[in-house]
């Protein structure tokens, strides 16, 4: 079973650090980063990429619970 975003879509982004890992779809993932100040560039739709601590998986993330 795949992880779901809070909006109900399949989560393609997963926040890796810490114990409270979050999963988001491409529309809900927070874009840019005000904490680490690393410029990630833009995606193919011209949107800022998420912080480098968000990992992307086009096929979604498996729910291990």
C-alpha atoms as a PDB file:
ATOM      1  CA  UNK A   1       0.000   0.000   0.000  1.00  0.00           C
ATOM      2  CA  UNK A   2       1.273   3.488  -0.880  1.00  0.00           C
ATOM      3  CA  UNK A   3       1.475   6.430   1.507  1.00  0.00           C
ATOM      4  CA  UNK A   4      -1.166   9.091   0.974  1.00  0.00           C
ATOM      5  CA  UNK A   5      -0.855  12.849   1.213  1.00  0.00           C
ATOM      6  CA  UNK A   6      -3.203  14.736   3.561  1.00  0.00           C
ATOM      7  CA  UNK A   7      -5.264  15.625   0.466  1.00  0.00           C
ATOM      8  CA  UNK A   8      -5.761  11.917  -0.337  1.00  0.00           C
ATOM      9  CA  UNK A   9      -3.490  11.670  -3.397  1.00  0.00           C
ATOM     10  CA  UNK A  10      -0.526   9.296  -3.586  1.00  0.00           C
ATOM     11  CA  UNK A  11       2.519  10.762  -1.837  1.00  0.00           C
ATOM     12  CA  UNK A  12       5.478  11.223  -4.177  1.00  0.00           C
ATOM     13  CA  UNK A  13       7.536  13.352  -1.740  1.00  0.00           C
ATOM     14  CA  UNK A  14       8.798  12.112   1.640  1.00  0.00           C
ATOM     15  CA  UNK A  15      10.557  14.200   4.309  1.00  0.00           C
ATOM     16  CA  UNK A  16      13.471  12.115   5.559  1.00  0.00           C
ATOM     17  CA  UNK A  17      14.991  13.681   8.707  1.00  0.00           C
ATOM     18  CA  UNK A  18      13.635  12.947  12.165  1.00  0.00           C
ATOM     19  CA  UNK A  19      11.026  10.573  13.486  1.00  0.00           C
ATOM     20  CA  UNK A  20       7.994  12.546  12.296  1.00  0.00           C
ATOM     21  CA  UNK A  21       8.292  11.876   8.580  1.00  0.00           C
ATOM     22  CA  UNK A  22       5.771  13.563   6.323  1.00  0.00           C
ATOM     23  CA  UNK A  23       4.521  12.452   2.938  1.00  0.00           C
ATOM     24  CA  UNK A  24       3.047  14.798   0.329  1.00  0.00           C
ATOM     25  CA  UNK A  25       1.835  14.756  -3.242  1.00  0.00           C
ATOM     26  CA  UNK A  26       3.466  17.037  -5.810  1.00  0.00           C
ATOM     27  CA  UNK A  27       0.791  19.697  -5.299  1.00  0.00           C
ATOM     28  CA  UNK A  28       0.988  19.838  -1.472  1.00  0.00           C
ATOM     29  CA  UNK A  29       4.748  19.531  -0.838  1.00  0.00           C
ATOM     30  CA  UNK A  30       6.223  22.744   0.615  1.00  0.00           C
ATOM     31  CA  UNK A  31       8.355  24.397  -2.025  1.00  0.00           C
ATOM     32  CA  UNK A  32      11.647  26.177  -1.439  1.00  0.00           C
ATOM     33  CA  UNK A  33      13.501  26.222   1.864  1.00  0.00           C
ATOM     34  CA  UNK A  34      13.891  29.066   4.318  1.00  0.00           C
ATOM     35  CA  UNK A  35      15.956  27.018   6.780  1.00  0.00           C
ATOM     36  CA  UNK A  36      18.955  25.722   4.836  1.00  0.00           C
ATOM     37  CA  UNK A  37      18.952  28.527   2.233  1.00  0.00           C
ATOM     38  CA  UNK A  38      20.049  26.161  -0.556  1.00  0.00           C
ATOM     39  CA  UNK A  39      18.632  27.159  -3.933  1.00  0.00           C
ATOM     40  CA  UNK A  40      17.220  24.050  -5.598  1.00  0.00           C
ATOM     41  CA  UNK A  41      16.068  25.525  -8.891  1.00  0.00           C
ATOM     42  CA  UNK A  42      12.740  25.065 -10.618  1.00  0.00           C
ATOM     43  CA  UNK A  43      10.757  22.053 -11.787  1.00  0.00           C
ATOM     44  CA  UNK A  44       9.397  21.621 -15.332  1.00  0.00           C
ATOM     45  CA  UNK A  45       6.328  23.704 -14.395  1.00  0.00           C
ATOM     46  CA  UNK A  46       8.443  26.630 -13.156  1.00  0.00           C
ATOM     47  CA  UNK A  47       7.754  25.960  -9.455  1.00  0.00           C
ATOM     48  CA  UNK A  48      10.495  26.038  -6.822  1.00  0.00           C
ATOM     49  CA  UNK A  49      11.709  22.580  -5.882  1.00  0.00           C
ATOM     50  CA  UNK A  50      11.237  21.437  -2.265  1.00  0.00           C
ATOM     51  CA  UNK A  51      14.060  21.511   0.282  1.00  0.00           C
ATOM     52  CA  UNK A  52      16.770  18.882  -0.312  1.00  0.00           C
ATOM     53  CA  UNK A  53      15.461  16.974   2.717  1.00  0.00           C
ATOM     54  CA  UNK A  54      12.350  16.008   0.735  1.00  0.00           C
ATOM     55  CA  UNK A  55      13.003  12.867  -1.320  1.00  0.00           C
ATOM     56  CA  UNK A  56      11.048  12.201  -4.506  1.00  0.00           C
ATOM     57  CA  UNK A  57       9.737   8.883  -5.800  1.00  0.00           C
ATOM     58  CA  UNK A  58       7.623   9.033  -8.943  1.00  0.00           C
ATOM     59  CA  UNK A  59       6.025   5.668  -8.071  1.00  0.00           C
ATOM     60  CA  UNK A  60       5.071   6.766  -4.551  1.00  0.00           C
ATOM     61  CA  UNK A  61       6.279   5.629  -1.139  1.00  0.00           C
ATOM     62  CA  UNK A  62       5.310   2.313   0.393  1.00  0.00           C
ATOM     63  CA  UNK A  63       3.486   2.418   3.719  1.00  0.00           C
ATOM     64  CA  UNK A  64       5.494   0.101   5.956  1.00  0.00           C
ATOM     65  CA  UNK A  65       2.887   0.040   8.755  1.00  0.00           C
END
